[in-house]
């Protein structure tokens, strides 16, 4: 039985390439700078996006992973615009969770503008539970995987404004995390470049809005920048002074 190939502290899932960078990139970078290992899994190749091609999106995802310093980035092929909730798709996600054996999982929120984000949210949340069942069998590279259930699962925030359960201070990593966002050159605005056709996220106002949201969350906790998350279960406090010191 395979126990582990590369344990990581955090595993972040996104329905599409760039979901993770846009929503929790500064937090992932904070984890890495604190010595934690971070892996990312894109559930689709983003092939239905108005801008870019399969090739450019794959190249951009790799460039973002390098800029951010992820341990690894995995791309599944569950179908952009066609994500389905099925036993097969659950097993695909379970394999990734058991392979990396994270302490923390991040994923899309359950209430979102894009249907793929909603489907991805349920898929990852359920897979995180089923990954801990001994009798739910999956294999990786010909070996049976050991069960593993992440200790925490958090939803990052995207287009729809939701009230976060907690906010991470990303004042020291927000600016650097923009490099991961801008690695997706075909998707976002760059000075002197135009996008035809224009999309919601290719407008220059979109990146400005991202910064405004980060400043808003930062203001809520008295810092410059922040990223908000929704918890899916109560957080256990073992040592009060460590958690709230």
C-alpha atoms as a PDB file:
ATOM      1  CA  UNK A   1       0.000   0.000   0.000  1.00  0.00           C
ATOM      2  CA  UNK A   2       1.287   3.413  -0.939  1.00  0.00           C
ATOM      3  CA  UNK A   3       1.523   5.674   2.104  1.00  0.00           C
ATOM      4  CA  UNK A   4       2.714   8.903   0.486  1.00  0.00           C
ATOM      5  CA  UNK A   5       4.612  10.318  -2.451  1.00  0.00           C
ATOM      6  CA  UNK A   6       5.047  13.912  -1.319  1.00  0.00           C
ATOM      7  CA  UNK A   7       3.236  15.138   1.780  1.00  0.00           C
ATOM      8  CA  UNK A   8       2.335  18.838   1.569  1.00  0.00           C
ATOM      9  CA  UNK A   9       0.885  21.185   4.107  1.00  0.00           C
ATOM     10  CA  UNK A  10      -1.663  22.791   1.759  1.00  0.00           C
ATOM     11  CA  UNK A  11      -3.360  21.542  -1.411  1.00  0.00           C
ATOM     12  CA  UNK A  12      -5.351  24.130  -3.361  1.00  0.00           C
ATOM     13  CA  UNK A  13      -7.947  23.084  -5.945  1.00  0.00           C
ATOM     14  CA  UNK A  14      -9.387  25.299  -8.664  1.00  0.00           C
ATOM     15  CA  UNK A  15     -12.005  24.574 -11.301  1.00  0.00           C
ATOM     16  CA  UNK A  16      -9.815  26.372 -13.839  1.00  0.00           C
ATOM     17  CA  UNK A  17      -6.192  27.446 -14.139  1.00  0.00           C
ATOM     18  CA  UNK A  18      -5.888  30.870 -12.397  1.00  0.00           C
ATOM     19  CA  UNK A  19      -8.757  30.295  -9.888  1.00  0.00           C
ATOM     20  CA  UNK A  20      -6.237  29.603  -7.133  1.00  0.00           C
ATOM     21  CA  UNK A  21      -3.921  32.503  -7.934  1.00  0.00           C
ATOM     22  CA  UNK A  22      -6.809  34.967  -8.106  1.00  0.00           C
ATOM     23  CA  UNK A  23      -8.429  33.869  -4.860  1.00  0.00           C
ATOM     24  CA  UNK A  24      -5.822  32.614  -2.409  1.00  0.00           C
ATOM     25  CA  UNK A  25      -2.453  33.128  -4.067  1.00  0.00           C
ATOM     26  CA  UNK A  26      -1.158  35.513  -1.410  1.00  0.00           C
ATOM     27  CA  UNK A  27      -2.091  33.045   1.334  1.00  0.00           C
ATOM     28  CA  UNK A  28      -0.374  30.172  -0.485  1.00  0.00           C
ATOM     29  CA  UNK A  29       2.738  32.303  -0.874  1.00  0.00           C
ATOM     30  CA  UNK A  30       2.568  33.132   2.839  1.00  0.00           C
ATOM     31  CA  UNK A  31       2.452  29.408   3.666  1.00  0.00           C
ATOM     32  CA  UNK A  32       5.468  28.751   1.431  1.00  0.00           C
ATOM     33  CA  UNK A  33       7.466  31.588   2.997  1.00  0.00           C
ATOM     34  CA  UNK A  34       6.667  30.153   6.433  1.00  0.00           C
ATOM     35  CA  UNK A  35       8.230  26.862   5.353  1.00  0.00           C
ATOM     36  CA  UNK A  36       5.124  24.966   4.256  1.00  0.00           C
ATOM     37  CA  UNK A  37       4.861  22.953   1.067  1.00  0.00           C
ATOM     38  CA  UNK A  38       2.009  23.833  -1.300  1.00  0.00           C
ATOM     39  CA  UNK A  39       0.595  21.890  -4.237  1.00  0.00           C
ATOM     40  CA  UNK A  40      -2.114  23.018  -6.682  1.00  0.00           C
ATOM     41  CA  UNK A  41      -4.608  20.984  -8.695  1.00  0.00           C
ATOM     42  CA  UNK A  42      -6.596  22.456 -11.583  1.00  0.00           C
ATOM     43  CA  UNK A  43      -9.657  20.296 -12.232  1.00  0.00           C
ATOM     44  CA  UNK A  44      -9.827  21.352 -15.898  1.00  0.00           C
ATOM     45  CA  UNK A  45      -7.492  22.705 -18.562  1.00  0.00           C
ATOM     46  CA  UNK A  46      -9.589  25.853 -18.979  1.00  0.00           C
ATOM     47  CA  UNK A  47     -10.110  24.956 -22.608  1.00  0.00           C
ATOM     48  CA  UNK A  48     -13.468  26.733 -22.905  1.00  0.00           C
ATOM     49  CA  UNK A  49     -12.061  30.131 -21.973  1.00  0.00           C
ATOM     50  CA  UNK A  50     -12.730  32.921 -24.470  1.00  0.00           C
ATOM     51  CA  UNK A  51      -9.076  33.976 -24.473  1.00  0.00           C
ATOM     52  CA  UNK A  52      -6.022  31.779 -24.887  1.00  0.00           C
ATOM     53  CA  UNK A  53      -5.618  28.212 -26.123  1.00  0.00           C
ATOM     54  CA  UNK A  54      -5.024  24.855 -24.486  1.00  0.00           C
ATOM     55  CA  UNK A  55      -1.295  25.280 -25.083  1.00  0.00           C
ATOM     56  CA  UNK A  56      -1.009  28.837 -23.777  1.00  0.00           C
ATOM     57  CA  UNK A  57      -3.066  28.068 -20.686  1.00  0.00           C
ATOM     58  CA  UNK A  58      -0.857  25.077 -19.857  1.00  0.00           C
ATOM     59  CA  UNK A  59       2.266  27.203 -20.343  1.00  0.00           C
ATOM     60  CA  UNK A  60       0.826  29.973 -18.183  1.00  0.00           C
ATOM     61  CA  UNK A  61      -0.146  27.553 -15.401  1.00  0.00           C
ATOM     62  CA  UNK A  62       3.403  26.209 -15.380  1.00  0.00           C
ATOM     63  CA  UNK A  63       4.834  29.735 -15.309  1.00  0.00           C
ATOM     64  CA  UNK A  64       2.552  30.671 -12.407  1.00  0.00           C
ATOM     65  CA  UNK A  65       3.611  27.558 -10.480  1.00  0.00           C
ATOM     66  CA  UNK A  66       7.267  28.472 -10.947  1.00  0.00           C
ATOM     67  CA  UNK A  67       6.706  32.089  -9.935  1.00  0.00           C
ATOM     68  CA  UNK A  68       4.810  31.058  -6.819  1.00  0.00           C
ATOM     69  CA  UNK A  69       7.112  28.221  -5.801  1.00  0.00           C
ATOM     70  CA  UNK A  70       4.586  25.388  -5.624  1.00  0.00           C
ATOM     71  CA  UNK A  71       5.887  21.909  -4.885  1.00  0.00           C
ATOM     72  CA  UNK A  72       3.839  20.667  -7.836  1.00  0.00           C
ATOM     73  CA  UNK A  73       0.911  21.632 -10.031  1.00  0.00           C
ATOM     74  CA  UNK A  74      -1.419  18.903 -11.309  1.00  0.00           C
ATOM     75  CA  UNK A  75      -3.965  19.355 -14.096  1.00  0.00           C
ATOM     76  CA  UNK A  76      -6.931  17.002 -14.362  1.00  0.00           C
ATOM     77  CA  UNK A  77      -9.200  16.886 -17.403  1.00  0.00           C
ATOM     78  CA  UNK A  78     -12.719  16.884 -15.950  1.00  0.00           C
ATOM     79  CA  UNK A  79     -14.003  19.116 -18.755  1.00  0.00           C
ATOM     80  CA  UNK A  80     -14.156  22.912 -18.695  1.00  0.00           C
ATOM     81  CA  UNK A  81     -17.869  23.741 -18.789  1.00  0.00           C
ATOM     82  CA  UNK A  82     -18.676  20.045 -18.399  1.00  0.00           C
ATOM     83  CA  UNK A  83     -17.624  19.154 -14.848  1.00  0.00           C
ATOM     84  CA  UNK A  84     -19.855  16.334 -13.661  1.00  0.00           C
ATOM     85  CA  UNK A  85     -20.410  14.952 -10.187  1.00  0.00           C
ATOM     86  CA  UNK A  86     -19.766  11.234 -10.572  1.00  0.00           C
ATOM     87  CA  UNK A  87     -17.942   8.368  -8.936  1.00  0.00           C
ATOM     88  CA  UNK A  88     -15.228   8.631 -11.546  1.00  0.00           C
ATOM     89  CA  UNK A  89     -14.615  12.342 -11.010  1.00  0.00           C
ATOM     90  CA  UNK A  90     -14.650  11.856  -7.225  1.00  0.00           C
ATOM     91  CA  UNK A  91     -11.978   9.175  -7.556  1.00  0.00           C
ATOM     92  CA  UNK A  92      -9.842  11.515  -9.670  1.00  0.00           C
ATOM     93  CA  UNK A  93      -9.867  14.098  -6.872  1.00  0.00           C
ATOM     94  CA  UNK A  94      -9.432  11.480  -4.143  1.00  0.00           C
ATOM     95  CA  UNK A  95      -6.276  10.225  -5.885  1.00  0.00           C
ATOM     96  CA  UNK A  96      -4.793  13.708  -5.767  1.00  0.00           C
ATOM     97  CA  UNK A  97      -5.653  14.177  -2.074  1.00  0.00           C
ATOM     98  CA  UNK A  98      -4.201  10.795  -1.115  1.00  0.00           C
ATOM     99  CA  UNK A  99      -1.129  11.414  -3.208  1.00  0.00           C
ATOM    100  CA  UNK A 100      -0.219  14.713  -1.523  1.00  0.00           C
ATOM    101  CA  UNK A 101      -1.778  14.011   1.911  1.00  0.00           C
ATOM    102  CA  UNK A 102      -2.324  17.665   2.835  1.00  0.00           C
ATOM    103  CA  UNK A 103      -3.188  19.044   6.236  1.00  0.00           C
ATOM    104  CA  UNK A 104      -5.238  21.843   4.640  1.00  0.00           C
ATOM    105  CA  UNK A 105      -7.318  21.873   1.447  1.00  0.00           C
ATOM    106  CA  UNK A 106      -8.501  25.066  -0.259  1.00  0.00           C
ATOM    107  CA  UNK A 107     -11.235  25.030  -2.917  1.00  0.00           C
ATOM    108  CA  UNK A 108     -13.865  27.088  -4.736  1.00  0.00           C
ATOM    109  CA  UNK A 109     -16.814  28.446  -2.721  1.00  0.00           C
ATOM    110  CA  UNK A 110     -20.193  26.724  -2.858  1.00  0.00           C
ATOM    111  CA  UNK A 111     -22.031  29.894  -3.947  1.00  0.00           C
ATOM    112  CA  UNK A 112     -20.561  31.319  -7.131  1.00  0.00           C
ATOM    113  CA  UNK A 113     -21.266  32.975 -10.468  1.00  0.00           C
ATOM    114  CA  UNK A 114     -19.626  30.270 -12.599  1.00  0.00           C
ATOM    115  CA  UNK A 115     -21.394  26.863 -12.528  1.00  0.00           C
ATOM    116  CA  UNK A 116     -18.037  25.073 -12.744  1.00  0.00           C
ATOM    117  CA  UNK A 117     -16.962  26.723  -9.487  1.00  0.00           C
ATOM    118  CA  UNK A 118     -20.081  25.460  -7.722  1.00  0.00           C
ATOM    119  CA  UNK A 119     -19.602  21.925  -9.054  1.00  0.00           C
ATOM    120  CA  UNK A 120     -15.911  21.945  -8.171  1.00  0.00           C
ATOM    121  CA  UNK A 121     -16.716  23.062  -4.642  1.00  0.00           C
ATOM    122  CA  UNK A 122     -18.989  20.099  -3.946  1.00  0.00           C
ATOM    123  CA  UNK A 123     -16.682  17.669  -5.720  1.00  0.00           C
ATOM    124  CA  UNK A 124     -13.614  18.619  -3.687  1.00  0.00           C
ATOM    125  CA  UNK A 125     -15.461  18.840  -0.384  1.00  0.00           C
ATOM    126  CA  UNK A 126     -16.961  15.382  -0.788  1.00  0.00           C
ATOM    127  CA  UNK A 127     -13.711  13.906  -2.096  1.00  0.00           C
ATOM    128  CA  UNK A 128     -11.874  15.233   0.969  1.00  0.00           C
ATOM    129  CA  UNK A 129     -14.261  13.200   3.133  1.00  0.00           C
ATOM    130  CA  UNK A 130     -14.289  10.039   1.023  1.00  0.00           C
ATOM    131  CA  UNK A 131     -10.480  10.091   0.809  1.00  0.00           C
ATOM    132  CA  UNK A 132     -10.455   9.104   4.483  1.00  0.00           C
ATOM    133  CA  UNK A 133     -12.512   5.932   3.996  1.00  0.00           C
ATOM    134  CA  UNK A 134     -10.434   2.752   4.046  1.00  0.00           C
ATOM    135  CA  UNK A 135     -12.854   0.857   1.809  1.00  0.00           C
ATOM    136  CA  UNK A 136     -12.900   3.569  -0.891  1.00  0.00           C
ATOM    137  CA  UNK A 137     -10.117   2.120  -3.020  1.00  0.00           C
ATOM    138  CA  UNK A 138      -7.961   4.133  -5.403  1.00  0.00           C
ATOM    139  CA  UNK A 139      -4.583   3.433  -6.991  1.00  0.00           C
ATOM    140  CA  UNK A 140      -1.688   5.643  -8.051  1.00  0.00           C
ATOM    141  CA  UNK A 141       1.103   4.378 -10.298  1.00  0.00           C
ATOM    142  CA  UNK A 142      -0.106   0.820  -9.845  1.00  0.00           C
ATOM    143  CA  UNK A 143      -0.197   0.895  -6.029  1.00  0.00           C
ATOM    144  CA  UNK A 144      -3.203   1.006  -3.724  1.00  0.00           C
ATOM    145  CA  UNK A 145      -3.327   4.363  -1.939  1.00  0.00           C
ATOM    146  CA  UNK A 146      -3.613   4.701   1.817  1.00  0.00           C
ATOM    147  CA  UNK A 147      -6.654   6.662   3.067  1.00  0.00           C
ATOM    148  CA  UNK A 148      -6.118  10.251   4.098  1.00  0.00           C
ATOM    149  CA  UNK A 149      -8.577  12.889   5.247  1.00  0.00           C
ATOM    150  CA  UNK A 150      -7.300  16.502   5.410  1.00  0.00           C
ATOM    151  CA  UNK A 151      -7.636  18.121   8.819  1.00  0.00           C
ATOM    152  CA  UNK A 152      -9.124  21.327   7.397  1.00  0.00           C
ATOM    153  CA  UNK A 153     -11.048  22.345   4.268  1.00  0.00           C
ATOM    154  CA  UNK A 154     -11.512  26.045   3.524  1.00  0.00           C
ATOM    155  CA  UNK A 155     -13.370  27.798   0.722  1.00  0.00           C
ATOM    156  CA  UNK A 156     -11.651  30.829  -0.760  1.00  0.00           C
ATOM    157  CA  UNK A 157     -13.776  33.700  -2.097  1.00  0.00           C
ATOM    158  CA  UNK A 158     -14.305  34.567  -5.750  1.00  0.00           C
ATOM    159  CA  UNK A 159     -16.777  36.738  -7.667  1.00  0.00           C
ATOM    160  CA  UNK A 160     -19.717  36.746  -5.246  1.00  0.00           C
ATOM    161  CA  UNK A 161     -19.076  38.645  -2.030  1.00  0.00           C
ATOM    162  CA  UNK A 162     -19.509  36.291   0.920  1.00  0.00           C
ATOM    163  CA  UNK A 163     -18.811  36.936   4.584  1.00  0.00           C
ATOM    164  CA  UNK A 164     -15.542  35.202   5.503  1.00  0.00           C
ATOM    165  CA  UNK A 165     -15.129  33.052   8.601  1.00  0.00           C
ATOM    166  CA  UNK A 166     -11.581  34.330   8.973  1.00  0.00           C
ATOM    167  CA  UNK A 167      -9.133  36.611   7.165  1.00  0.00           C
ATOM    168  CA  UNK A 168      -5.444  35.932   6.569  1.00  0.00           C
ATOM    169  CA  UNK A 169      -3.018  38.867   6.781  1.00  0.00           C
ATOM    170  CA  UNK A 170      -1.332  38.904   3.355  1.00  0.00           C
ATOM    171  CA  UNK A 171       0.304  42.314   3.636  1.00  0.00           C
ATOM    172  CA  UNK A 172       3.769  40.826   3.063  1.00  0.00           C
ATOM    173  CA  UNK A 173       2.823  38.597   0.132  1.00  0.00           C
ATOM    174  CA  UNK A 174       0.043  40.289  -1.838  1.00  0.00           C
ATOM    175  CA  UNK A 175       2.294  42.257  -4.198  1.00  0.00           C
ATOM    176  CA  UNK A 176       4.538  39.262  -4.886  1.00  0.00           C
ATOM    177  CA  UNK A 177       1.532  37.022  -5.505  1.00  0.00           C
ATOM    178  CA  UNK A 178       0.530  39.266  -8.419  1.00  0.00           C
ATOM    179  CA  UNK A 179       3.338  37.644 -10.373  1.00  0.00           C
ATOM    180  CA  UNK A 180       1.409  34.391 -10.212  1.00  0.00           C
ATOM    181  CA  UNK A 181      -1.755  36.106 -11.470  1.00  0.00           C
ATOM    182  CA  UNK A 182      -0.011  37.942 -14.294  1.00  0.00           C
ATOM    183  CA  UNK A 183       1.645  34.717 -15.464  1.00  0.00           C
ATOM    184  CA  UNK A 184      -1.718  34.079 -17.151  1.00  0.00           C
ATOM    185  CA  UNK A 185      -0.845  36.605 -19.845  1.00  0.00           C
ATOM    186  CA  UNK A 186      -3.723  35.818 -22.190  1.00  0.00           C
ATOM    187  CA  UNK A 187      -6.372  36.295 -19.524  1.00  0.00           C
ATOM    188  CA  UNK A 188      -5.600  39.573 -17.770  1.00  0.00           C
ATOM    189  CA  UNK A 189      -4.977  43.188 -18.633  1.00  0.00           C
ATOM    190  CA  UNK A 190      -1.429  44.412 -19.221  1.00  0.00           C
ATOM    191  CA  UNK A 191      -0.431  47.997 -19.874  1.00  0.00           C
ATOM    192  CA  UNK A 192      -0.500  48.778 -23.599  1.00  0.00           C
ATOM    193  CA  UNK A 193      -2.189  45.514 -24.562  1.00  0.00           C
ATOM    194  CA  UNK A 194      -5.797  44.959 -25.620  1.00  0.00           C
ATOM    195  CA  UNK A 195      -7.962  41.867 -25.414  1.00  0.00           C
ATOM    196  CA  UNK A 196     -10.411  41.018 -28.179  1.00  0.00           C
ATOM    197  CA  UNK A 197     -13.046  40.104 -27.310  1.00  0.00           C
ATOM    198  CA  UNK A 198     -13.023  41.746 -23.896  1.00  0.00           C
ATOM    199  CA  UNK A 199     -14.036  39.497 -21.004  1.00  0.00           C
ATOM    200  CA  UNK A 200     -14.985  40.132 -17.399  1.00  0.00           C
ATOM    201  CA  UNK A 201     -11.475  39.378 -16.163  1.00  0.00           C
ATOM    202  CA  UNK A 202      -9.529  41.004 -19.025  1.00  0.00           C
ATOM    203  CA  UNK A 203     -10.751  44.510 -18.146  1.00  0.00           C
ATOM    204  CA  UNK A 204      -8.159  46.690 -16.370  1.00  0.00           C
ATOM    205  CA  UNK A 205     -10.771  47.323 -13.674  1.00  0.00           C
ATOM    206  CA  UNK A 206     -10.752  43.634 -12.744  1.00  0.00           C
ATOM    207  CA  UNK A 207      -7.215  43.629 -11.368  1.00  0.00           C
ATOM    208  CA  UNK A 208      -7.909  46.938  -9.647  1.00  0.00           C
ATOM    209  CA  UNK A 209     -10.930  45.295  -8.049  1.00  0.00           C
ATOM    210  CA  UNK A 210      -8.816  42.426  -6.782  1.00  0.00           C
ATOM    211  CA  UNK A 211      -6.556  44.850  -4.989  1.00  0.00           C
ATOM    212  CA  UNK A 212      -9.565  46.742  -3.613  1.00  0.00           C
ATOM    213  CA  UNK A 213     -10.972  43.505  -2.179  1.00  0.00           C
ATOM    214  CA  UNK A 214      -7.633  42.626  -0.606  1.00  0.00           C
ATOM    215  CA  UNK A 215      -7.454  46.093   0.936  1.00  0.00           C
ATOM    216  CA  UNK A 216     -11.039  45.763   2.184  1.00  0.00           C
ATOM    217  CA  UNK A 217     -10.315  42.457   3.913  1.00  0.00           C
ATOM    218  CA  UNK A 218      -7.082  43.878   5.263  1.00  0.00           C
ATOM    219  CA  UNK A 219      -8.976  46.820   6.722  1.00  0.00           C
ATOM    220  CA  UNK A 220     -11.285  44.418   8.553  1.00  0.00           C
ATOM    221  CA  UNK A 221      -8.324  43.101  10.567  1.00  0.00           C
ATOM    222  CA  UNK A 222      -6.285  46.294  10.737  1.00  0.00           C
ATOM    223  CA  UNK A 223      -3.634  45.470   8.128  1.00  0.00           C
ATOM    224  CA  UNK A 224      -2.875  46.510   4.548  1.00  0.00           C
ATOM    225  CA  UNK A 225      -4.013  43.400   2.642  1.00  0.00           C
ATOM    226  CA  UNK A 226      -6.016  40.297   3.487  1.00  0.00           C
ATOM    227  CA  UNK A 227      -7.678  37.228   1.949  1.00  0.00           C
ATOM    228  CA  UNK A 228     -10.935  35.828   3.294  1.00  0.00           C
ATOM    229  CA  UNK A 229     -11.944  32.198   3.732  1.00  0.00           C
ATOM    230  CA  UNK A 230     -15.015  30.228   4.793  1.00  0.00           C
ATOM    231  CA  UNK A 231     -14.463  27.311   7.153  1.00  0.00           C
ATOM    232  CA  UNK A 232     -16.473  24.115   6.779  1.00  0.00           C
ATOM    233  CA  UNK A 233     -16.142  22.905  10.378  1.00  0.00           C
ATOM    234  CA  UNK A 234     -15.345  24.417  13.785  1.00  0.00           C
ATOM    235  CA  UNK A 235     -11.671  25.211  14.300  1.00  0.00           C
ATOM    236  CA  UNK A 236     -10.083  23.424  17.262  1.00  0.00           C
ATOM    237  CA  UNK A 237      -7.856  25.518  19.549  1.00  0.00           C
ATOM    238  CA  UNK A 238      -5.216  23.439  21.352  1.00  0.00           C
ATOM    239  CA  UNK A 239      -3.164  26.315  22.761  1.00  0.00           C
ATOM    240  CA  UNK A 240      -5.018  29.601  23.194  1.00  0.00           C
ATOM    241  CA  UNK A 241      -1.923  31.792  23.501  1.00  0.00           C
ATOM    242  CA  UNK A 242      -0.490  30.395  20.237  1.00  0.00           C
ATOM    243  CA  UNK A 243      -3.697  30.954  18.295  1.00  0.00           C
ATOM    244  CA  UNK A 244      -4.619  34.337  19.758  1.00  0.00           C
ATOM    245  CA  UNK A 245      -1.357  35.682  21.157  1.00  0.00           C
END
